[in-house]
Each structure stands twice: as C-alpha cells, then as structure tokens.
Amino acid sequence: MDISPHHPYQTRKNLDVKLVNEYATAMKNGTSFPPVKLGVVGGALVVIGGHHRIAATYRRGLPTITADVYETDHPGAVLLAIDDNSTNGKRLSKAEVRAALSLFVKAGNHKVGRGKVMSSRQLAAALGGSVSHETVLHWIAEDHPAVYSKFKRDAPKPKGSGEFDYRAKNAERSAQAAFAAIEQCLAAARGVSSPKVRGRIRERLLKASVVVETLGPYELPQDDGQTPSSDDF
C-alpha cells in the first residue's frame, strides 16, 4: 500500500528545511530516531507523525524508515498526531498549536458525554500543555463559537485583554473535571485497535495513578464506580 500524498494530520504550516537537513546529517552519522507514525484511515495509508523524519530519509536516499502503523479512525489519528507533535521534533509555534486545537475539535475529540465538552484545562492538557487553558478558551471563543457556548454556563466573562478566569471553584469541581478526563481517555481508547497502542495507554494510566498517590493521603472507595459527593471534600 502506497502512502497517501495528502497530509490531513500535519499541523505544521511548512516543513522546516533546516531541520530536515539536520535530521539527514544525524542519520548519516548513525543517529537513531523514533519510529514515524503511519495510519490506515478509511482504507488509505497516511502519515500521522514524522513528516520531517520522512523528508530527511528521502534527502539521504535511504530505502526504508522504521514506522509504527495504526489501524484507526479519523479522531484516533488526530489524537496520535497531536501526541507525536507534542513529544517529538521541533516545538510547535503558537499558531500551529491553534491549528492542532481546531483539528482536535473538528474531529469531535473535545466531546465528553451527552452534550458536554472537555474543559479548557483538559483541552490544554490534550495539546501537550504548551499553552495555558486561558489561551485555549480564548481560541475556542474566536474559532469555534458553537463549542464555546457550551462553556458559557460555567465560565466567567472575559476580563482584561481577552484573558479568562476559569479556575475550579472548589475541590468537588476539580474532582469532576478529573473524572471527565478519565472518561474521555476511556472513550478514545475504545477506538484503538492496535495492541501496542493499548499497551502505551495502559502504561500512561499506570504512571498517572502513581502520580495521584504522591499528591497526598487517599482512601479507596467502598463502592466501585461511585463518584464522590460534596460530603467527601
């Protein structure tokens, strides 16, 4: 199967020629790179992550490149692309992060449950934490007003020069945000068919549980699956 010439998951405006040349030189000197990400989406083989690495491979005239191939759908491919851009290669510019947010929203990855959307903090975390949640909320208001309208019931009006105060009001609200993020993770994981990717998801969840244990004392719930009430805080 040939790789599609279209690049729907490329959030960068342009390839950085200087970076491609640096990668090509590093490859010549024997430096190993993380596998690029390819996806089988709707029957087409597309590049999800690693555009600069692929360009450097062509520049070097190398016949092969190491790749992880995922069978996924469009929303899943978007999540993989954003993760790759957040952890590999050149840091995204602010404009490119904004483009990634639009790709994320248009794919429907911001939805959690019936008629609900992720909070601005959750969206910022999904983008790799490279911009503040206030910036995310401002972009949502400008680029996706229909989505922003779902924030309006809880979000205060903007103050100052486009900044938003979207802090959690109490411990219960913070907990509900955490539960919503977990549910979003599980919903996304159900669309993953690759055992390797499921293993990576499990590994990250295990690491997250370790972090939770370091935050302070905790009690295991008596009734599994029950959401804490205000009496628990």
Protein backbone atom coordinates (compact mmCIF):
# COMPACT_ATOMS: atom_id res chain seq x y z
CA MET A 1 0.00 0.00 0.00
CA ASP A 2 1.43 3.38 -1.03
CA ILE A 3 1.47 6.32 1.36
CA SER A 4 -1.15 8.92 0.51
CA PRO A 5 0.25 12.22 -0.85
CA HIS A 6 -2.30 14.10 1.26
CA HIS A 7 -1.37 15.15 4.79
CA PRO A 8 -4.55 15.83 6.79
CA TYR A 9 -2.75 15.35 10.12
CA GLN A 10 0.12 17.77 9.54
CA THR A 11 -0.41 20.71 11.93
CA ARG A 12 2.80 22.48 10.98
CA LYS A 13 2.47 25.21 8.36
CA ASN A 14 5.57 24.16 6.44
CA LEU A 15 8.43 21.72 6.61
CA ASP A 16 11.49 23.27 8.24
CA VAL A 17 14.21 22.73 5.60
CA LYS A 18 16.96 23.43 8.13
CA LEU A 19 15.57 20.81 10.48
CA VAL A 20 15.27 18.28 7.62
CA ASN A 21 18.94 18.85 6.79
CA GLU A 22 19.91 18.45 10.47
CA TYR A 23 18.00 15.16 10.63
CA ALA A 24 19.60 13.97 7.39
CA THR A 25 23.08 14.71 8.77
CA ALA A 26 22.25 12.96 12.03
CA MET A 27 21.02 9.91 10.09
CA LYS A 28 24.24 9.89 8.11
CA ASN A 29 26.17 9.85 11.40
CA GLY A 30 24.19 6.88 12.66
CA THR A 31 21.73 8.62 14.98
CA SER A 32 18.56 6.60 15.54
CA PHE A 33 15.17 8.30 15.52
CA PRO A 34 11.80 7.29 16.98
CA PRO A 35 9.57 5.41 14.52
CA VAL A 36 7.32 7.62 12.42
CA LYS A 37 3.59 7.10 12.79
CA LEU A 38 1.52 5.88 9.84
CA GLY A 39 -2.18 5.20 9.96
CA VAL A 40 -4.62 3.16 7.95
CA VAL A 41 -7.60 5.52 7.99
CA GLY A 42 -10.59 4.82 5.78
CA GLY A 43 -8.54 2.38 3.71
CA ALA A 44 -5.74 4.88 3.00
CA LEU A 45 -2.21 4.80 4.40
CA VAL A 46 -1.43 8.30 5.70
CA VAL A 47 1.38 9.95 7.62
CA ILE A 48 0.27 10.75 11.16
CA GLY A 49 3.58 11.85 12.66
CA GLY A 50 7.16 12.20 11.49
CA HIS A 51 6.96 14.37 8.36
CA HIS A 52 10.43 15.86 8.96
CA ARG A 53 11.95 12.42 9.58
CA ILE A 54 10.42 11.08 6.37
CA ALA A 55 11.69 14.09 4.41
CA ALA A 56 15.18 13.56 5.85
CA THR A 57 15.06 9.89 4.83
CA TYR A 58 14.25 10.92 1.25
CA ARG A 59 17.04 13.50 1.40
CA ARG A 60 19.51 10.80 2.39
CA GLY A 61 18.19 8.46 -0.32
CA LEU A 62 17.53 5.75 2.26
CA PRO A 63 15.26 2.93 1.03
CA THR A 64 13.40 2.33 4.31
CA ILE A 65 12.31 4.00 7.52
CA THR A 66 11.10 2.49 10.77
CA ALA A 67 7.40 3.10 11.30
CA ASP A 68 4.58 2.18 13.64
CA VAL A 69 1.37 1.55 11.70
CA TYR A 70 -2.00 2.07 13.35
CA GLU A 71 -5.41 0.99 12.16
CA THR A 72 -7.63 3.76 13.43
CA ASP A 73 -10.34 6.24 12.52
CA HIS A 74 -10.02 9.98 11.91
CA PRO A 75 -10.48 11.10 15.55
CA GLY A 76 -7.96 8.49 16.68
CA ALA A 77 -5.45 9.61 14.06
CA VAL A 78 -5.81 13.21 15.22
CA LEU A 79 -5.02 12.17 18.81
CA LEU A 80 -1.95 10.25 17.63
CA ALA A 81 -0.76 13.18 15.50
CA ILE A 82 -1.06 15.69 18.34
CA ASP A 83 0.73 13.32 20.71
CA ASP A 84 3.57 12.86 18.21
CA ASN A 85 3.96 16.59 17.61
CA SER A 86 3.97 17.20 21.38
CA THR A 87 6.70 14.66 22.12
CA ASN A 88 8.93 14.60 19.02
CA GLY A 89 10.77 17.08 16.86
CA LYS A 90 10.56 20.84 16.71
CA ARG A 91 8.31 22.61 19.17
CA LEU A 92 5.04 23.76 17.60
CA SER A 93 4.55 27.50 17.21
CA LYS A 94 1.56 29.11 18.87
CA ALA A 95 -0.22 29.32 15.51
CA GLU A 96 0.44 25.62 14.92
CA VAL A 97 -0.91 24.71 18.36
CA ARG A 98 -4.03 26.70 17.49
CA ALA A 99 -4.33 24.73 14.25
CA ALA A 100 -3.94 21.49 16.23
CA LEU A 101 -6.76 22.60 18.55
CA SER A 102 -9.04 23.18 15.56
CA LEU A 103 -8.14 19.75 14.16
CA PHE A 104 -8.90 18.24 17.58
CA VAL A 105 -12.29 19.97 17.84
CA LYS A 106 -13.35 19.29 14.24
CA ALA A 107 -12.63 15.59 14.80
CA GLY A 108 -15.02 15.63 17.77
CA ASN A 109 -12.35 14.70 20.31
CA HIS A 110 -13.48 17.52 22.63
CA LYS A 111 -16.81 15.84 23.36
CA VAL A 112 -17.39 14.04 26.65
CA GLY A 113 -20.80 12.51 27.19
CA ARG A 114 -24.14 13.85 26.05
CA GLY A 115 -23.95 17.49 25.07
CA LYS A 116 -20.84 18.09 27.17
CA VAL A 117 -17.34 19.14 26.19
CA MET A 118 -13.92 18.98 27.77
CA SER A 119 -12.93 21.90 29.98
CA SER A 120 -10.33 24.39 28.77
CA ARG A 121 -7.83 22.82 31.18
CA GLN A 122 -8.44 19.37 29.71
CA LEU A 123 -8.09 20.75 26.19
CA ALA A 124 -4.81 22.45 27.11
CA ALA A 125 -3.52 19.17 28.54
CA ALA A 126 -4.59 17.30 25.39
CA LEU A 127 -2.46 19.72 23.36
CA GLY A 128 0.61 18.83 25.40
CA GLY A 129 0.38 21.69 27.88
CA SER A 130 2.26 24.11 25.62
CA VAL A 131 -0.33 26.87 26.05
CA SER A 132 -2.45 27.96 29.01
CA HIS A 133 -6.08 26.98 29.43
CA GLU A 134 -6.97 30.70 29.24
CA THR A 135 -5.42 30.82 25.75
CA VAL A 136 -7.32 27.68 24.74
CA LEU A 137 -10.61 29.18 25.92
CA HIS A 138 -9.88 32.39 24.02
CA TRP A 139 -9.17 30.42 20.81
CA ILE A 140 -12.33 28.36 21.26
CA ALA A 141 -14.36 31.56 21.66
CA GLU A 142 -12.91 33.01 18.44
CA ASP A 143 -12.64 29.90 16.25
CA HIS A 144 -15.45 27.67 17.49
CA PRO A 145 -18.24 29.83 18.97
CA ALA A 146 -20.73 26.94 18.96
CA VAL A 147 -18.38 24.92 21.17
CA TYR A 148 -17.61 27.95 23.34
CA SER A 149 -21.34 28.42 24.01
CA LYS A 150 -21.22 25.15 25.96
CA PHE A 151 -18.65 26.73 28.29
CA LYS A 152 -20.75 29.83 28.93
CA ARG A 153 -22.86 28.44 31.75
CA ASP A 154 -19.80 27.88 33.92
CA ALA A 155 -17.16 30.22 32.52
CA PRO A 156 -16.96 33.81 33.83
CA LYS A 157 -17.00 36.62 31.33
CA PRO A 158 -13.62 37.56 29.89
CA LYS A 159 -11.67 40.22 31.72
CA GLY A 160 -8.79 42.43 30.66
CA SER A 161 -7.31 41.85 27.21
CA GLY A 162 -9.02 38.61 26.29
CA GLU A 163 -7.91 36.69 29.38
CA PHE A 164 -10.28 34.31 31.13
CA ASP A 165 -10.50 33.31 34.75
CA TYR A 166 -11.58 29.68 34.52
CA ARG A 167 -10.31 28.35 37.87
CA ALA A 168 -12.10 25.50 39.60
CA LYS A 169 -14.25 26.88 42.41
CA ASN A 170 -13.80 24.04 44.89
CA ALA A 171 -12.44 20.55 45.36
CA GLU A 172 -15.59 18.87 44.08
CA ARG A 173 -15.41 20.68 40.77
CA SER A 174 -11.75 19.69 40.39
CA ALA A 175 -12.68 16.07 41.07
CA GLN A 176 -15.47 16.14 38.49
CA ALA A 177 -13.01 17.53 35.93
CA ALA A 178 -10.63 14.65 36.73
CA PHE A 179 -13.40 12.06 36.30
CA ALA A 180 -14.44 13.65 32.99
CA ALA A 181 -10.85 13.47 31.73
CA ILE A 182 -10.68 9.77 32.65
CA GLU A 183 -13.94 9.09 30.83
CA GLN A 184 -12.59 10.94 27.77
CA CYS A 185 -9.47 8.78 27.85
CA LEU A 186 -11.52 5.59 28.06
CA ALA A 187 -13.83 6.70 25.24
CA ALA A 188 -10.84 7.40 23.00
CA ALA A 189 -9.15 4.12 23.99
CA ARG A 190 -12.17 2.13 22.83
CA GLY A 191 -11.42 3.28 19.28
CA VAL A 192 -7.86 1.93 19.38
CA SER A 193 -7.33 -1.43 17.69
CA SER A 194 -3.56 -1.75 17.99
CA PRO A 195 -2.34 -3.86 20.95
CA LYS A 196 0.86 -1.80 21.01
CA VAL A 197 -1.07 1.47 21.38
CA ARG A 198 -3.34 -0.04 24.03
CA GLY A 199 -0.19 -1.02 25.90
CA ARG A 200 1.09 2.55 25.74
CA ILE A 201 -2.25 3.85 27.00
CA ARG A 202 -2.16 1.39 29.90
CA GLU A 203 1.40 2.43 30.74
CA ARG A 204 0.44 6.11 30.87
CA LEU A 205 -2.57 5.38 33.05
CA LEU A 206 -0.41 3.40 35.46
CA LYS A 207 2.07 6.29 35.64
CA ALA A 208 -0.83 8.67 36.27
CA SER A 209 -2.05 6.51 39.15
CA VAL A 210 1.40 6.69 40.71
CA VAL A 211 1.31 10.48 40.46
CA VAL A 212 -2.10 10.56 42.17
CA GLU A 213 -0.68 8.53 45.06
CA THR A 214 2.06 11.15 45.58
CA LEU A 215 -0.43 14.05 45.85
CA GLY A 216 -1.37 13.17 49.41
CA PRO A 217 -3.36 10.75 51.56
CA TYR A 218 -6.17 8.93 49.83
CA GLU A 219 -8.92 6.40 50.61
CA LEU A 220 -10.14 3.69 48.28
CA PRO A 221 -13.91 3.93 47.68
CA GLN A 222 -16.16 1.36 49.31
CA ASP A 223 -18.48 1.28 46.29
CA ASP A 224 -16.64 0.88 42.98
CA GLY A 225 -17.63 3.31 40.25
CA GLN A 226 -19.26 5.81 42.58
CA THR A 227 -18.50 9.49 42.03
CA PRO A 228 -17.60 11.32 45.26
CA SER A 229 -20.20 13.71 46.59
CA SER A 230 -19.67 17.09 48.23
CA ASP A 231 -19.55 15.30 51.61
CA ASP A 232 -16.25 13.73 50.59
CA PHE A 233 -14.44 17.05 50.37
